[in-house]
Amino acid sequence: MERFAERPTERIVPDAWLLGAAPVAGALICAALGWGLAAAVLALLTLFVVAFFRNPSRALPGDARTVVAPADGWVLEVGEVEAPGGDKALRIGIFLSVFDVHVNRMPLAGRVLDVERTGSRYLAAMNRDAEHENVRCTLTLETEAGTRFQVTQITGLIARRIVCHAKVGQWVDRGVRYGLIRFGSRTDVVLPRQAVALVAPGARVHGGSTAIAWLEESA
């Protein structure tokens, strides 16, 4: 089985240099023309872009059955939903503001069974309709024990691009970085009903280092 090669792994995601080039150039031009305020604003914008694409290393907690947060942010919801097959499942939704790290991490180790891109809208990530209508990318995976779970990257009002490097058939290790969402978004994890949530709405979590759930033996 092909093992997924973690990416992005750079301390600053390369997108920062592409998106930061324009404000840097603008700041230099404004400074040369003596437009101090405009130069300062563009310089701050450049720093924001670089900070947005930061990609820190994280230490994994627990063992193979410990589900880690797939993203940095605030827990929006923890509740029961209906899985695609009709069974009940546990969903944990995480909201990412523009100030959070936007690199996504795999909550559990598993083999990618399906990659589905759906949706067409860009509603605010906290809007209940966003989870069904916004542009999103859902990975369905299966653990070594046969447990299926999903992790979904959802765009928001500002977010316009989802990057997902994992492909069908690849084995992705727990906590591995596999993609990102640009500028404000949401990331959901859907687990078997037997999973035990370790967080509640309003909790602050960090991708790859916060335990958000635990898989019971029966799962």
C-alpha atoms as a PDB file:
ATOM      1  CA  MET A   1       0.000   0.000   0.000  1.00  0.00           C
ATOM      2  CA  GLU A   2       1.322   3.429  -0.927  1.00  0.00           C
ATOM      3  CA  ARG A   3       2.082   5.610   2.093  1.00  0.00           C
ATOM      4  CA  PHE A   4       1.157   9.270   1.807  1.00  0.00           C
ATOM      5  CA  ALA A   5       4.139  11.633   1.922  1.00  0.00           C
ATOM      6  CA  GLU A   6       3.329  14.404   4.385  1.00  0.00           C
ATOM      7  CA  ARG A   7       2.956  17.885   2.918  1.00  0.00           C
ATOM      8  CA  PRO A   8       3.179  20.760   3.352  1.00  0.00           C
ATOM      9  CA  THR A   9       6.115  20.430   5.767  1.00  0.00           C
ATOM     10  CA  GLU A  10       7.828  23.811   5.334  1.00  0.00           C
ATOM     11  CA  ARG A  11       7.754  26.146   8.359  1.00  0.00           C
ATOM     12  CA  ILE A  12       6.018  28.668   6.081  1.00  0.00           C
ATOM     13  CA  VAL A  13       3.789  27.219   3.346  1.00  0.00           C
ATOM     14  CA  PRO A  14       5.184  28.337  -0.074  1.00  0.00           C
ATOM     15  CA  ASP A  15       1.829  29.984  -0.925  1.00  0.00           C
ATOM     16  CA  ALA A  16       2.912  32.805   1.397  1.00  0.00           C
ATOM     17  CA  TRP A  17       5.687  33.908  -0.945  1.00  0.00           C
ATOM     18  CA  LEU A  18       3.363  33.978  -3.953  1.00  0.00           C
ATOM     19  CA  LEU A  19       0.564  35.887  -2.223  1.00  0.00           C
ATOM     20  CA  GLY A  20       2.950  38.114  -0.288  1.00  0.00           C
ATOM     21  CA  ALA A  21       4.923  39.284  -3.308  1.00  0.00           C
ATOM     22  CA  ALA A  22       2.353  41.897  -4.402  1.00  0.00           C
ATOM     23  CA  PRO A  23       2.003  43.710  -1.040  1.00  0.00           C
ATOM     24  CA  VAL A  24       5.805  43.655  -0.568  1.00  0.00           C
ATOM     25  CA  ALA A  25       6.301  45.264  -3.967  1.00  0.00           C
ATOM     26  CA  GLY A  26       3.569  47.782  -3.196  1.00  0.00           C
ATOM     27  CA  ALA A  27       5.126  48.648   0.166  1.00  0.00           C
ATOM     28  CA  LEU A  28       8.528  49.263  -1.449  1.00  0.00           C
ATOM     29  CA  ILE A  29       7.032  51.466  -4.152  1.00  0.00           C
ATOM     30  CA  CYS A  30       5.000  53.468  -1.627  1.00  0.00           C
ATOM     31  CA  ALA A  31       8.057  53.902   0.599  1.00  0.00           C
ATOM     32  CA  ALA A  32      10.087  55.159  -2.378  1.00  0.00           C
ATOM     33  CA  LEU A  33       7.354  57.675  -3.185  1.00  0.00           C
ATOM     34  CA  GLY A  34       7.187  58.846   0.395  1.00  0.00           C
ATOM     35  CA  TRP A  35       3.723  57.455   1.084  1.00  0.00           C
ATOM     36  CA  GLY A  36       4.511  56.276   4.593  1.00  0.00           C
ATOM     37  CA  LEU A  37       1.023  55.263   5.722  1.00  0.00           C
ATOM     38  CA  ALA A  38       0.305  53.225   2.599  1.00  0.00           C
ATOM     39  CA  ALA A  39       3.722  51.553   2.868  1.00  0.00           C
ATOM     40  CA  ALA A  40       3.051  50.641   6.508  1.00  0.00           C
ATOM     41  CA  VAL A  41      -0.376  49.179   5.695  1.00  0.00           C
ATOM     42  CA  LEU A  42       1.043  47.048   2.882  1.00  0.00           C
ATOM     43  CA  ALA A  43       3.925  45.911   5.099  1.00  0.00           C
ATOM     44  CA  LEU A  44       1.433  44.801   7.771  1.00  0.00           C
ATOM     45  CA  LEU A  45      -0.577  42.984   5.103  1.00  0.00           C
ATOM     46  CA  THR A  46       2.575  41.135   4.069  1.00  0.00           C
ATOM     47  CA  LEU A  47       3.249  40.086   7.662  1.00  0.00           C
ATOM     48  CA  PHE A  48      -0.345  38.867   7.975  1.00  0.00           C
ATOM     49  CA  VAL A  49      -0.001  36.708   4.845  1.00  0.00           C
ATOM     50  CA  VAL A  50       3.232  35.153   6.107  1.00  0.00           C
ATOM     51  CA  ALA A  51       1.714  34.515   9.554  1.00  0.00           C
ATOM     52  CA  PHE A  52      -1.386  32.970   8.003  1.00  0.00           C
ATOM     53  CA  PHE A  53       0.717  30.366   6.217  1.00  0.00           C
ATOM     54  CA  ARG A  54       2.794  29.390   9.261  1.00  0.00           C
ATOM     55  CA  ASN A  55       3.114  25.639   9.674  1.00  0.00           C
ATOM     56  CA  PRO A  56       4.397  24.652  13.134  1.00  0.00           C
ATOM     57  CA  SER A  57       5.468  21.157  14.190  1.00  0.00           C
ATOM     58  CA  ARG A  58       3.189  19.402  16.691  1.00  0.00           C
ATOM     59  CA  ALA A  59       3.606  16.535  19.199  1.00  0.00           C
ATOM     60  CA  LEU A  60       0.952  13.800  18.949  1.00  0.00           C
ATOM     61  CA  PRO A  61      -0.958  12.906  22.140  1.00  0.00           C
ATOM     62  CA  GLY A  62      -2.165   9.442  23.183  1.00  0.00           C
ATOM     63  CA  ASP A  63      -2.085   6.298  21.063  1.00  0.00           C
ATOM     64  CA  ALA A  64      -3.561   5.070  17.775  1.00  0.00           C
ATOM     65  CA  ARG A  65      -7.147   5.328  19.088  1.00  0.00           C
ATOM     66  CA  THR A  66      -6.770   8.954  20.145  1.00  0.00           C
ATOM     67  CA  VAL A  67      -8.450  11.222  17.600  1.00  0.00           C
ATOM     68  CA  VAL A  68      -6.517  14.475  17.177  1.00  0.00           C
ATOM     69  CA  ALA A  69      -7.876  17.814  16.004  1.00  0.00           C
ATOM     70  CA  PRO A  70      -7.583  18.173  12.204  1.00  0.00           C
ATOM     71  CA  ALA A  71      -7.120  21.929  12.506  1.00  0.00           C
ATOM     72  CA  ASP A  72      -6.514  24.844  14.835  1.00  0.00           C
ATOM     73  CA  GLY A  73      -9.581  26.775  15.949  1.00  0.00           C
ATOM     74  CA  TRP A  74     -12.700  26.702  18.121  1.00  0.00           C
ATOM     75  CA  VAL A  75     -15.075  23.753  18.440  1.00  0.00           C
ATOM     76  CA  LEU A  76     -18.376  24.823  16.877  1.00  0.00           C
ATOM     77  CA  GLU A  77     -20.358  21.686  17.555  1.00  0.00           C
ATOM     78  CA  VAL A  78     -20.189  18.193  18.965  1.00  0.00           C
ATOM     79  CA  GLY A  79     -23.209  16.087  18.151  1.00  0.00           C
ATOM     80  CA  GLU A  80     -24.863  13.135  16.515  1.00  0.00           C
ATOM     81  CA  VAL A  81     -25.470  13.102  12.762  1.00  0.00           C
ATOM     82  CA  GLU A  82     -26.614  10.563  10.211  1.00  0.00           C
ATOM     83  CA  ALA A  83     -23.746   8.921   8.328  1.00  0.00           C
ATOM     84  CA  PRO A  84     -24.033   8.239   4.553  1.00  0.00           C
ATOM     85  CA  GLY A  85     -25.032   4.604   5.195  1.00  0.00           C
ATOM     86  CA  GLY A  86     -27.877   5.622   7.503  1.00  0.00           C
ATOM     87  CA  ASP A  87     -26.060   4.845  10.760  1.00  0.00           C
ATOM     88  CA  LYS A  88     -25.635   7.412  13.511  1.00  0.00           C
ATOM     89  CA  ALA A  89     -22.234   9.037  13.848  1.00  0.00           C
ATOM     90  CA  LEU A  90     -20.416  11.596  15.984  1.00  0.00           C
ATOM     91  CA  ARG A  91     -19.455  14.852  14.290  1.00  0.00           C
ATOM     92  CA  ILE A  92     -17.031  17.414  15.689  1.00  0.00           C
ATOM     93  CA  GLY A  93     -16.909  20.717  13.802  1.00  0.00           C
ATOM     94  CA  ILE A  94     -14.023  23.191  14.177  1.00  0.00           C
ATOM     95  CA  PHE A  95     -14.092  26.837  13.062  1.00  0.00           C
ATOM     96  CA  LEU A  96     -10.842  28.406  11.832  1.00  0.00           C
ATOM     97  CA  SER A  97     -10.549  32.194  11.941  1.00  0.00           C
ATOM     98  CA  VAL A  98      -8.144  34.080   9.672  1.00  0.00           C
ATOM     99  CA  PHE A  99      -5.688  34.185  12.591  1.00  0.00           C
ATOM    100  CA  ASP A 100      -5.454  30.388  12.998  1.00  0.00           C
ATOM    101  CA  VAL A 101      -3.007  27.976  11.367  1.00  0.00           C
ATOM    102  CA  HIS A 102      -4.826  26.667   8.295  1.00  0.00           C
ATOM    103  CA  VAL A 103      -2.783  23.548   7.575  1.00  0.00           C
ATOM    104  CA  ASN A 104      -4.960  20.438   8.065  1.00  0.00           C
ATOM    105  CA  ARG A 105      -3.868  17.241   9.820  1.00  0.00           C
ATOM    106  CA  MET A 106      -5.219  13.706   9.718  1.00  0.00           C
ATOM    107  CA  PRO A 107      -7.231  12.920  12.908  1.00  0.00           C
ATOM    108  CA  LEU A 108      -6.607   9.144  12.708  1.00  0.00           C
ATOM    109  CA  ALA A 109      -4.404   6.868  10.633  1.00  0.00           C
ATOM    110  CA  GLY A 110      -6.207   5.245   7.755  1.00  0.00           C
ATOM    111  CA  ARG A 111      -6.394   4.285   4.080  1.00  0.00           C
ATOM    112  CA  VAL A 112      -8.147   6.785   1.827  1.00  0.00           C
ATOM    113  CA  LEU A 113     -11.240   5.162   0.307  1.00  0.00           C
ATOM    114  CA  ASP A 114     -12.762   8.196  -1.349  1.00  0.00           C
ATOM    115  CA  VAL A 115     -12.081  11.872  -2.069  1.00  0.00           C
ATOM    116  CA  GLU A 116     -15.254  13.835  -2.808  1.00  0.00           C
ATOM    117  CA  ARG A 117     -15.407  17.501  -3.796  1.00  0.00           C
ATOM    118  CA  THR A 118     -18.876  19.041  -3.615  1.00  0.00           C
ATOM    119  CA  GLY A 119     -20.719  22.296  -2.921  1.00  0.00           C
ATOM    120  CA  SER A 120     -20.832  25.615  -4.739  1.00  0.00           C
ATOM    121  CA  ARG A 121     -21.350  28.380  -2.155  1.00  0.00           C
ATOM    122  CA  TYR A 122     -19.117  30.404   0.188  1.00  0.00           C
ATOM    123  CA  LEU A 123     -21.358  31.096   3.181  1.00  0.00           C
ATOM    124  CA  ALA A 124     -19.886  32.102   6.542  1.00  0.00           C
ATOM    125  CA  ALA A 125     -18.412  28.955   8.133  1.00  0.00           C
ATOM    126  CA  MET A 126     -20.659  29.342  11.216  1.00  0.00           C
ATOM    127  CA  ASN A 127     -23.821  29.309   9.084  1.00  0.00           C
ATOM    128  CA  ARG A 128     -25.638  25.963   9.492  1.00  0.00           C
ATOM    129  CA  ASP A 129     -26.235  25.789   5.741  1.00  0.00           C
ATOM    130  CA  ALA A 130     -22.491  26.067   5.070  1.00  0.00           C
ATOM    131  CA  GLU A 131     -21.827  22.450   6.088  1.00  0.00           C
ATOM    132  CA  HIS A 132     -24.053  21.253   3.237  1.00  0.00           C
ATOM    133  CA  GLU A 133     -23.789  23.966   0.582  1.00  0.00           C
ATOM    134  CA  ASN A 134     -20.267  25.390   0.737  1.00  0.00           C
ATOM    135  CA  VAL A 135     -17.425  24.182  -1.456  1.00  0.00           C
ATOM    136  CA  ARG A 136     -15.812  21.326   0.469  1.00  0.00           C
ATOM    137  CA  CYS A 137     -13.582  18.284   0.198  1.00  0.00           C
ATOM    138  CA  THR A 138     -14.465  15.111   2.118  1.00  0.00           C
ATOM    139  CA  LEU A 139     -12.030  12.258   2.673  1.00  0.00           C
ATOM    140  CA  THR A 140     -13.436   8.880   3.687  1.00  0.00           C
ATOM    141  CA  LEU A 141     -10.835   6.640   5.327  1.00  0.00           C
ATOM    142  CA  GLU A 142     -10.634   3.229   6.968  1.00  0.00           C
ATOM    143  CA  THR A 143      -8.380   2.378   9.897  1.00  0.00           C
ATOM    144  CA  GLU A 144      -6.356  -0.815  10.168  1.00  0.00           C
ATOM    145  CA  ALA A 145      -9.139  -2.279  12.327  1.00  0.00           C
ATOM    146  CA  GLY A 146     -11.769  -1.514   9.678  1.00  0.00           C
ATOM    147  CA  THR A 147     -13.285   1.586  11.291  1.00  0.00           C
ATOM    148  CA  ARG A 148     -14.451   4.167   8.795  1.00  0.00           C
ATOM    149  CA  PHE A 149     -14.311   7.896   9.430  1.00  0.00           C
ATOM    150  CA  GLN A 150     -14.417  11.147   7.482  1.00  0.00           C
ATOM    151  CA  VAL A 151     -12.640  14.481   7.607  1.00  0.00           C
ATOM    152  CA  THR A 152     -14.057  17.406   5.648  1.00  0.00           C
ATOM    153  CA  GLN A 153     -12.422  20.689   4.664  1.00  0.00           C
ATOM    154  CA  ILE A 154     -15.112  23.366   4.215  1.00  0.00           C
ATOM    155  CA  THR A 155     -14.612  26.826   2.745  1.00  0.00           C
ATOM    156  CA  GLY A 156     -15.995  29.929   4.441  1.00  0.00           C
ATOM    157  CA  LEU A 157     -17.010  33.457   3.540  1.00  0.00           C
ATOM    158  CA  ILE A 158     -13.419  34.469   2.746  1.00  0.00           C
ATOM    159  CA  ALA A 159     -11.864  31.076   1.991  1.00  0.00           C
ATOM    160  CA  ARG A 160     -11.813  30.332  -1.713  1.00  0.00           C
ATOM    161  CA  ARG A 161      -9.420  27.438  -2.148  1.00  0.00           C
ATOM    162  CA  ILE A 162      -9.103  23.986  -0.618  1.00  0.00           C
ATOM    163  CA  VAL A 163      -5.842  22.086  -1.022  1.00  0.00           C
ATOM    164  CA  CYS A 164      -5.942  18.322  -0.403  1.00  0.00           C
ATOM    165  CA  HIS A 165      -2.867  16.273  -1.324  1.00  0.00           C
ATOM    166  CA  ALA A 166      -4.108  12.828  -0.183  1.00  0.00           C
ATOM    167  CA  LYS A 167      -5.320  10.425  -2.870  1.00  0.00           C
ATOM    168  CA  VAL A 168      -7.458   7.285  -2.950  1.00  0.00           C
ATOM    169  CA  GLY A 169      -5.520   4.168  -1.943  1.00  0.00           C
ATOM    170  CA  GLN A 170      -2.891   5.973   0.112  1.00  0.00           C
ATOM    171  CA  TRP A 171      -2.255   5.273   3.782  1.00  0.00           C
ATOM    172  CA  VAL A 172      -2.160   8.487   5.811  1.00  0.00           C
ATOM    173  CA  ASP A 173      -0.650   8.425   9.306  1.00  0.00           C
ATOM    174  CA  ARG A 174      -2.323  10.074  12.300  1.00  0.00           C
ATOM    175  CA  GLY A 175      -1.387  13.727  12.724  1.00  0.00           C
ATOM    176  CA  VAL A 176       0.173  14.010   9.277  1.00  0.00           C
ATOM    177  CA  ARG A 177      -0.318  17.283   7.401  1.00  0.00           C
ATOM    178  CA  TYR A 178      -2.242  16.642   4.186  1.00  0.00           C
ATOM    179  CA  GLY A 179      -3.568  20.011   2.949  1.00  0.00           C
ATOM    180  CA  LEU A 180      -4.879  23.440   3.878  1.00  0.00           C
ATOM    181  CA  ILE A 181      -7.714  25.949   3.365  1.00  0.00           C
ATOM    182  CA  ARG A 182      -7.037  29.571   2.520  1.00  0.00           C
ATOM    183  CA  PHE A 183      -8.376  32.386   4.716  1.00  0.00           C
ATOM    184  CA  GLY A 184     -11.085  31.360   7.195  1.00  0.00           C
ATOM    185  CA  SER A 185     -12.937  28.062   7.107  1.00  0.00           C
ATOM    186  CA  ARG A 186     -14.208  24.993   8.928  1.00  0.00           C
ATOM    187  CA  THR A 187     -13.003  21.403   9.311  1.00  0.00           C
ATOM    188  CA  ASP A 188     -15.295  18.556  10.443  1.00  0.00           C
ATOM    189  CA  VAL A 189     -14.538  15.047  11.641  1.00  0.00           C
ATOM    190  CA  VAL A 190     -17.209  12.325  11.492  1.00  0.00           C
ATOM    191  CA  LEU A 191     -16.544   9.274  13.664  1.00  0.00           C
ATOM    192  CA  PRO A 192     -18.386   6.063  14.550  1.00  0.00           C
ATOM    193  CA  ARG A 193     -21.192   6.467  17.075  1.00  0.00           C
ATOM    194  CA  GLN A 194     -19.146   4.588  19.686  1.00  0.00           C
ATOM    195  CA  ALA A 195     -16.477   7.290  19.694  1.00  0.00           C
ATOM    196  CA  VAL A 196     -16.268   9.326  22.904  1.00  0.00           C
ATOM    197  CA  ALA A 197     -15.917  13.092  22.493  1.00  0.00           C
ATOM    198  CA  LEU A 198     -13.239  14.713  24.651  1.00  0.00           C
ATOM    199  CA  VAL A 199     -14.122  18.320  23.784  1.00  0.00           C
ATOM    200  CA  ALA A 200     -17.219  20.509  23.972  1.00  0.00           C
ATOM    201  CA  PRO A 201     -18.437  23.496  21.922  1.00  0.00           C
ATOM    202  CA  GLY A 202     -16.316  26.543  22.655  1.00  0.00           C
ATOM    203  CA  ALA A 203     -13.128  24.587  23.340  1.00  0.00           C
ATOM    204  CA  ARG A 204      -9.904  25.817  21.793  1.00  0.00           C
ATOM    205  CA  VAL A 205      -8.020  23.104  19.869  1.00  0.00           C
ATOM    206  CA  HIS A 206      -4.732  22.806  17.997  1.00  0.00           C
ATOM    207  CA  GLY A 207      -4.320  20.590  14.953  1.00  0.00           C
ATOM    208  CA  GLY A 208      -2.321  17.434  15.622  1.00  0.00           C
ATOM    209  CA  SER A 209      -1.777  18.102  19.337  1.00  0.00           C
ATOM    210  CA  THR A 210      -5.262  18.303  20.909  1.00  0.00           C
ATOM    211  CA  ALA A 211      -7.126  15.044  21.585  1.00  0.00           C
ATOM    212  CA  ILE A 212     -10.756  15.605  20.545  1.00  0.00           C
ATOM    213  CA  ALA A 213     -12.150  12.050  20.813  1.00  0.00           C
ATOM    214  CA  TRP A 214     -11.390   8.470  21.715  1.00  0.00           C
ATOM    215  CA  LEU A 215     -12.307   5.343  19.756  1.00  0.00           C
ATOM    216  CA  GLU A 216     -13.783   2.600  21.922  1.00  0.00           C
ATOM    217  CA  GLU A 217     -12.554  -0.972  21.341  1.00  0.00           C
ATOM    218  CA  SER A 218     -15.925  -1.873  19.804  1.00  0.00           C
ATOM    219  CA  ALA A 219     -15.471   0.786  17.117  1.00  0.00           C
END
